[in-house]
Amino acid sequence: MITMEDIIREGHPTLRQIAEEVAIPASNENKLILEKMLEYVKNSQDPEIAEKYELRPGIGLAAPQINVAKRMLAIHTIDEHGVQHSYALFNPKIVSHSVEKSYLTSGEGCLSVDRAVPGIVPRYARIRVKAVNLNGEQLDIRLRGLLSIVFQHEIDHLNGIMFYDHIDENNPFKEPENAIAVDR
């Protein structure tokens, strides 16, 4: 079981590396790591388990955050329409995106960042992602709203990018033009 002790923090060199593609079909070892990542995100949202194991709640986790420089991510969240989404993916790649932007009104946080970093993180409003799931199936996913933002945050981790890299240093609360504000 992954705990907060397994999650590396900002400043660790792995968080700034570009993660390697995972060979498909995925090895049993990679599948197990990805399953444990999804388990962490689910457990962290369960108040009893989170308290027992001192897990910080999260809705997404990328493999580099557990010091595994491979292109894997896990996401478990409820979207703005109350629909539960759960993903455990190998080699996720944004293949297209909107010109229109969006951002989380509450700002973004990260399990690898132990401090609040206030500011607006501009993201694409809509993205299309191709990836492979735990069953080896090719997925082509169209995302918008919160899910689009979460996917971009986690895919950034695979490319050595932290969420605060997107915040305008001179004007952290500058809203992108014509952007969609997403509440969480």
C-alpha atoms as a PDB file:
ATOM      1  CA  MET A   1       0.000   0.000   0.000  1.00  0.00           C
ATOM      2  CA  ILE A   2       1.283   3.449  -0.934  1.00  0.00           C
ATOM      3  CA  THR A   3       1.374   5.997   1.907  1.00  0.00           C
ATOM      4  CA  MET A   4       2.500   9.620   2.160  1.00  0.00           C
ATOM      5  CA  GLU A   5       5.986   8.320   3.020  1.00  0.00           C
ATOM      6  CA  ASP A   6       6.207   6.936  -0.545  1.00  0.00           C
ATOM      7  CA  ILE A   7       5.345  10.283  -2.145  1.00  0.00           C
ATOM      8  CA  ILE A   8       8.383  12.398  -2.962  1.00  0.00           C
ATOM      9  CA  ARG A   9       8.247  16.163  -2.429  1.00  0.00           C
ATOM     10  CA  GLU A  10       9.148  19.170  -4.540  1.00  0.00           C
ATOM     11  CA  GLY A  11      12.882  19.548  -4.917  1.00  0.00           C
ATOM     12  CA  HIS A  12      13.341  15.825  -5.605  1.00  0.00           C
ATOM     13  CA  PRO A  13      15.024  15.429  -9.025  1.00  0.00           C
ATOM     14  CA  THR A  14      12.568  12.759 -10.286  1.00  0.00           C
ATOM     15  CA  LEU A  15       9.779  15.355 -10.272  1.00  0.00           C
ATOM     16  CA  ARG A  16      11.662  17.347 -12.924  1.00  0.00           C
ATOM     17  CA  GLN A  17      12.486  14.400 -15.191  1.00  0.00           C
ATOM     18  CA  ILE A  18      10.606  13.445 -18.321  1.00  0.00           C
ATOM     19  CA  ALA A  19       9.169  10.025 -17.535  1.00  0.00           C
ATOM     20  CA  GLU A  20       9.798   7.064 -19.847  1.00  0.00           C
ATOM     21  CA  GLU A  21       7.151   5.364 -21.965  1.00  0.00           C
ATOM     22  CA  VAL A  22       5.877   2.083 -20.553  1.00  0.00           C
ATOM     23  CA  ALA A  23       6.356  -0.937 -22.846  1.00  0.00           C
ATOM     24  CA  ILE A  24       2.954  -2.315 -23.882  1.00  0.00           C
ATOM     25  CA  PRO A  25       1.760  -4.878 -23.006  1.00  0.00           C
ATOM     26  CA  ALA A  26       2.633  -3.646 -19.536  1.00  0.00           C
ATOM     27  CA  SER A  27       4.640  -5.912 -17.268  1.00  0.00           C
ATOM     28  CA  ASN A  28       3.022  -7.351 -14.151  1.00  0.00           C
ATOM     29  CA  GLU A  29       5.334  -5.112 -12.103  1.00  0.00           C
ATOM     30  CA  ASN A  30       4.077  -1.958 -13.863  1.00  0.00           C
ATOM     31  CA  LYS A  31       0.456  -3.088 -13.567  1.00  0.00           C
ATOM     32  CA  LEU A  32       0.930  -3.637  -9.832  1.00  0.00           C
ATOM     33  CA  ILE A  33       2.465  -0.176  -9.361  1.00  0.00           C
ATOM     34  CA  LEU A  34      -0.409   1.416 -11.280  1.00  0.00           C
ATOM     35  CA  GLU A  35      -3.019  -0.559  -9.296  1.00  0.00           C
ATOM     36  CA  LYS A  36      -1.405   0.625  -6.047  1.00  0.00           C
ATOM     37  CA  MET A  37      -1.438   4.226  -7.300  1.00  0.00           C
ATOM     38  CA  LEU A  38      -5.181   4.034  -7.961  1.00  0.00           C
ATOM     39  CA  GLU A  39      -5.663   2.364  -4.574  1.00  0.00           C
ATOM     40  CA  TYR A  40      -3.855   5.292  -2.904  1.00  0.00           C
ATOM     41  CA  VAL A  41      -6.109   7.889  -4.535  1.00  0.00           C
ATOM     42  CA  LYS A  42      -9.249   5.927  -3.563  1.00  0.00           C
ATOM     43  CA  ASN A  43      -7.993   5.278   0.004  1.00  0.00           C
ATOM     44  CA  SER A  44      -7.027   8.926   0.456  1.00  0.00           C
ATOM     45  CA  GLN A  45     -10.651   9.903  -0.184  1.00  0.00           C
ATOM     46  CA  ASP A  46     -12.010   7.461   2.417  1.00  0.00           C
ATOM     47  CA  PRO A  47     -12.054   9.408   5.720  1.00  0.00           C
ATOM     48  CA  GLU A  48     -11.460   6.333   7.918  1.00  0.00           C
ATOM     49  CA  ILE A  49      -8.583   4.899   5.863  1.00  0.00           C
ATOM     50  CA  ALA A  50      -7.059   8.345   5.298  1.00  0.00           C
ATOM     51  CA  GLU A  51      -7.050   9.075   9.027  1.00  0.00           C
ATOM     52  CA  LYS A  52      -5.729   5.636   9.992  1.00  0.00           C
ATOM     53  CA  TYR A  53      -2.777   5.812   7.578  1.00  0.00           C
ATOM     54  CA  GLU A  54      -2.363   9.632   7.618  1.00  0.00           C
ATOM     55  CA  LEU A  55      -3.047   9.952   3.882  1.00  0.00           C
ATOM     56  CA  ARG A  56      -3.466  13.388   2.360  1.00  0.00           C
ATOM     57  CA  PRO A  57      -6.541  13.377   0.140  1.00  0.00           C
ATOM     58  CA  GLY A  58      -5.792  13.434  -3.564  1.00  0.00           C
ATOM     59  CA  ILE A  59      -7.720  12.960  -6.789  1.00  0.00           C
ATOM     60  CA  GLY A  60      -4.748  12.112  -8.984  1.00  0.00           C
ATOM     61  CA  LEU A  61      -1.289  10.593  -8.710  1.00  0.00           C
ATOM     62  CA  ALA A  62       1.461  10.271 -11.304  1.00  0.00           C
ATOM     63  CA  ALA A  63       4.200   7.634 -11.087  1.00  0.00           C
ATOM     64  CA  PRO A  64       7.035  10.193 -10.792  1.00  0.00           C
ATOM     65  CA  GLN A  65       5.445  11.289  -7.497  1.00  0.00           C
ATOM     66  CA  ILE A  66       6.329   7.882  -6.033  1.00  0.00           C
ATOM     67  CA  ASN A  67       9.829   8.119  -7.555  1.00  0.00           C
ATOM     68  CA  VAL A  68       8.967   5.918 -10.555  1.00  0.00           C
ATOM     69  CA  ALA A  69       9.934   7.807 -13.734  1.00  0.00           C
ATOM     70  CA  LYS A  70       7.401   6.032 -15.962  1.00  0.00           C
ATOM     71  CA  ARG A  71       4.401   7.387 -17.865  1.00  0.00           C
ATOM     72  CA  MET A  72       1.625   6.132 -15.586  1.00  0.00           C
ATOM     73  CA  LEU A  73      -1.149   7.985 -13.792  1.00  0.00           C
ATOM     74  CA  ALA A  74      -4.174   7.265 -11.634  1.00  0.00           C
ATOM     75  CA  ILE A  75      -7.207   9.516 -11.254  1.00  0.00           C
ATOM     76  CA  HIS A  76     -10.276   9.007  -9.077  1.00  0.00           C
ATOM     77  CA  THR A  77     -12.694  11.894  -8.750  1.00  0.00           C
ATOM     78  CA  ILE A  78     -16.260  13.066  -9.044  1.00  0.00           C
ATOM     79  CA  ASP A  79     -16.856  15.588 -11.811  1.00  0.00           C
ATOM     80  CA  GLU A  80     -18.966  18.735 -11.556  1.00  0.00           C
ATOM     81  CA  HIS A  81     -22.051  16.688 -12.556  1.00  0.00           C
ATOM     82  CA  GLY A  82     -21.611  14.248  -9.651  1.00  0.00           C
ATOM     83  CA  VAL A  83     -20.335  11.414 -11.874  1.00  0.00           C
ATOM     84  CA  GLN A  84     -17.518   9.223 -10.512  1.00  0.00           C
ATOM     85  CA  HIS A  85     -14.507   8.721 -12.802  1.00  0.00           C
ATOM     86  CA  SER A  86     -11.681   6.299 -12.194  1.00  0.00           C
ATOM     87  CA  TYR A  87      -8.652   5.900 -14.457  1.00  0.00           C
ATOM     88  CA  ALA A  88      -5.402   3.930 -14.244  1.00  0.00           C
ATOM     89  CA  LEU A  89      -3.466   4.658 -17.421  1.00  0.00           C
ATOM     90  CA  PHE A  90      -0.217   3.889 -19.176  1.00  0.00           C
ATOM     91  CA  ASN A  91       1.354   6.375 -21.604  1.00  0.00           C
ATOM     92  CA  PRO A  92      -1.402   9.017 -21.517  1.00  0.00           C
ATOM     93  CA  LYS A  93      -0.890  11.620 -24.205  1.00  0.00           C
ATOM     94  CA  ILE A  94      -2.828  14.770 -25.036  1.00  0.00           C
ATOM     95  CA  VAL A  95      -3.460  14.467 -28.781  1.00  0.00           C
ATOM     96  CA  SER A  96      -5.565  17.608 -29.181  1.00  0.00           C
ATOM     97  CA  HIS A  97      -6.842  20.514 -27.108  1.00  0.00           C
ATOM     98  CA  SER A  98      -9.085  23.539 -27.303  1.00  0.00           C
ATOM     99  CA  VAL A  99      -7.834  27.068 -27.774  1.00  0.00           C
ATOM    100  CA  GLU A 100     -10.208  28.061 -24.967  1.00  0.00           C
ATOM    101  CA  LYS A 101      -8.753  27.940 -21.457  1.00  0.00           C
ATOM    102  CA  SER A 102     -10.132  27.003 -18.050  1.00  0.00           C
ATOM    103  CA  TYR A 103      -8.890  27.106 -14.474  1.00  0.00           C
ATOM    104  CA  LEU A 104      -9.850  25.914 -11.006  1.00  0.00           C
ATOM    105  CA  THR A 105     -11.266  28.817  -9.012  1.00  0.00           C
ATOM    106  CA  SER A 106      -9.790  27.329  -5.816  1.00  0.00           C
ATOM    107  CA  GLY A 107      -6.335  26.974  -7.394  1.00  0.00           C
ATOM    108  CA  GLU A 108      -4.465  23.692  -7.605  1.00  0.00           C
ATOM    109  CA  GLY A 109      -2.668  21.629  -5.012  1.00  0.00           C
ATOM    110  CA  CYS A 110      -0.380  18.639  -5.205  1.00  0.00           C
ATOM    111  CA  LEU A 111       0.520  15.686  -2.999  1.00  0.00           C
ATOM    112  CA  SER A 112       4.190  16.451  -3.706  1.00  0.00           C
ATOM    113  CA  VAL A 113       3.854  20.084  -2.560  1.00  0.00           C
ATOM    114  CA  ASP A 114       3.458  20.606   1.185  1.00  0.00           C
ATOM    115  CA  ARG A 115       2.676  24.303   0.920  1.00  0.00           C
ATOM    116  CA  ALA A 116      -0.178  26.323  -0.496  1.00  0.00           C
ATOM    117  CA  VAL A 117       0.749  28.010  -3.776  1.00  0.00           C
ATOM    118  CA  PRO A 118      -1.938  30.599  -4.463  1.00  0.00           C
ATOM    119  CA  GLY A 119      -2.657  31.626  -8.022  1.00  0.00           C
ATOM    120  CA  ILE A 120      -4.524  30.750 -11.175  1.00  0.00           C
ATOM    121  CA  VAL A 121      -3.226  27.801 -13.181  1.00  0.00           C
ATOM    122  CA  PRO A 122      -4.377  28.208 -16.794  1.00  0.00           C
ATOM    123  CA  ARG A 123      -5.299  24.931 -18.504  1.00  0.00           C
ATOM    124  CA  TYR A 124      -6.998  23.934 -21.757  1.00  0.00           C
ATOM    125  CA  ALA A 125     -10.784  23.830 -21.398  1.00  0.00           C
ATOM    126  CA  ARG A 126     -11.075  20.620 -23.428  1.00  0.00           C
ATOM    127  CA  ILE A 127      -8.549  17.923 -24.234  1.00  0.00           C
ATOM    128  CA  ARG A 128      -8.461  14.586 -26.004  1.00  0.00           C
ATOM    129  CA  VAL A 129      -6.214  11.939 -24.452  1.00  0.00           C
ATOM    130  CA  LYS A 130      -5.041   8.612 -25.832  1.00  0.00           C
ATOM    131  CA  ALA A 131      -3.775   6.012 -23.368  1.00  0.00           C
ATOM    132  CA  VAL A 132      -3.738   2.311 -22.491  1.00  0.00           C
ATOM    133  CA  ASN A 133      -5.639   1.000 -19.455  1.00  0.00           C
ATOM    134  CA  LEU A 134      -4.753  -1.838 -17.072  1.00  0.00           C
ATOM    135  CA  ASN A 135      -6.480  -4.351 -19.392  1.00  0.00           C
ATOM    136  CA  GLY A 136      -4.259  -3.311 -22.294  1.00  0.00           C
ATOM    137  CA  GLU A 137      -7.107  -1.550 -24.106  1.00  0.00           C
ATOM    138  CA  GLN A 138      -6.411   1.588 -26.156  1.00  0.00           C
ATOM    139  CA  LEU A 139      -8.566   4.464 -24.911  1.00  0.00           C
ATOM    140  CA  ASP A 140      -9.457   7.712 -26.658  1.00  0.00           C
ATOM    141  CA  ILE A 141     -10.957  10.023 -24.033  1.00  0.00           C
ATOM    142  CA  ARG A 142     -12.498  13.470 -24.503  1.00  0.00           C
ATOM    143  CA  LEU A 143     -12.388  15.563 -21.330  1.00  0.00           C
ATOM    144  CA  ARG A 144     -13.657  18.926 -20.152  1.00  0.00           C
ATOM    145  CA  GLY A 145     -14.120  20.759 -16.880  1.00  0.00           C
ATOM    146  CA  LEU A 146     -12.514  19.350 -13.747  1.00  0.00           C
ATOM    147  CA  LEU A 147     -11.397  16.117 -15.432  1.00  0.00           C
ATOM    148  CA  SER A 148      -9.578  18.030 -18.151  1.00  0.00           C
ATOM    149  CA  ILE A 149      -7.723  20.028 -15.483  1.00  0.00           C
ATOM    150  CA  VAL A 150      -6.830  16.948 -13.408  1.00  0.00           C
ATOM    151  CA  PHE A 151      -5.530  15.077 -16.452  1.00  0.00           C
ATOM    152  CA  GLN A 152      -3.368  18.045 -17.487  1.00  0.00           C
ATOM    153  CA  HIS A 153      -1.966  18.331 -13.932  1.00  0.00           C
ATOM    154  CA  GLU A 154      -1.004  14.633 -13.854  1.00  0.00           C
ATOM    155  CA  ILE A 155       0.345  14.542 -17.441  1.00  0.00           C
ATOM    156  CA  ASP A 156       2.480  17.580 -16.537  1.00  0.00           C
ATOM    157  CA  HIS A 157       4.109  15.419 -13.837  1.00  0.00           C
ATOM    158  CA  LEU A 158       5.113  12.951 -16.563  1.00  0.00           C
ATOM    159  CA  ASN A 159       6.894  15.816 -18.314  1.00  0.00           C
ATOM    160  CA  GLY A 160       8.703  17.213 -15.252  1.00  0.00           C
ATOM    161  CA  ILE A 161       6.311  20.169 -14.905  1.00  0.00           C
ATOM    162  CA  MET A 162       4.821  21.314 -11.594  1.00  0.00           C
ATOM    163  CA  PHE A 163       1.431  23.070 -11.461  1.00  0.00           C
ATOM    164  CA  TYR A 164       2.944  26.305 -10.143  1.00  0.00           C
ATOM    165  CA  ASP A 165       5.151  26.562 -13.247  1.00  0.00           C
ATOM    166  CA  HIS A 166       1.976  27.775 -15.011  1.00  0.00           C
ATOM    167  CA  ILE A 167       1.197  30.567 -12.507  1.00  0.00           C
ATOM    168  CA  ASP A 168       2.089  34.076 -13.693  1.00  0.00           C
ATOM    169  CA  GLU A 169       4.794  35.227 -11.240  1.00  0.00           C
ATOM    170  CA  ASN A 170       4.024  38.919 -11.752  1.00  0.00           C
ATOM    171  CA  ASN A 171       0.238  38.540 -11.537  1.00  0.00           C
ATOM    172  CA  PRO A 172      -0.667  35.192  -9.902  1.00  0.00           C
ATOM    173  CA  PHE A 173      -4.420  35.842  -9.980  1.00  0.00           C
ATOM    174  CA  LYS A 174      -4.547  36.984 -13.602  1.00  0.00           C
ATOM    175  CA  GLU A 175      -7.439  35.181 -15.259  1.00  0.00           C
ATOM    176  CA  PRO A 176      -6.805  33.864 -18.760  1.00  0.00           C
ATOM    177  CA  GLU A 177      -8.904  35.701 -21.370  1.00  0.00           C
ATOM    178  CA  ASN A 178     -12.337  34.180 -22.024  1.00  0.00           C
ATOM    179  CA  ALA A 179     -11.500  31.253 -19.730  1.00  0.00           C
ATOM    180  CA  ILE A 180     -14.041  28.978 -18.068  1.00  0.00           C
ATOM    181  CA  ALA A 181     -13.880  29.119 -14.265  1.00  0.00           C
ATOM    182  CA  VAL A 182     -14.283  25.611 -12.821  1.00  0.00           C
ATOM    183  CA  ASP A 183     -15.454  25.231  -9.217  1.00  0.00           C
ATOM    184  CA  ARG A 184     -14.434  22.219  -7.186  1.00  0.00           C
END
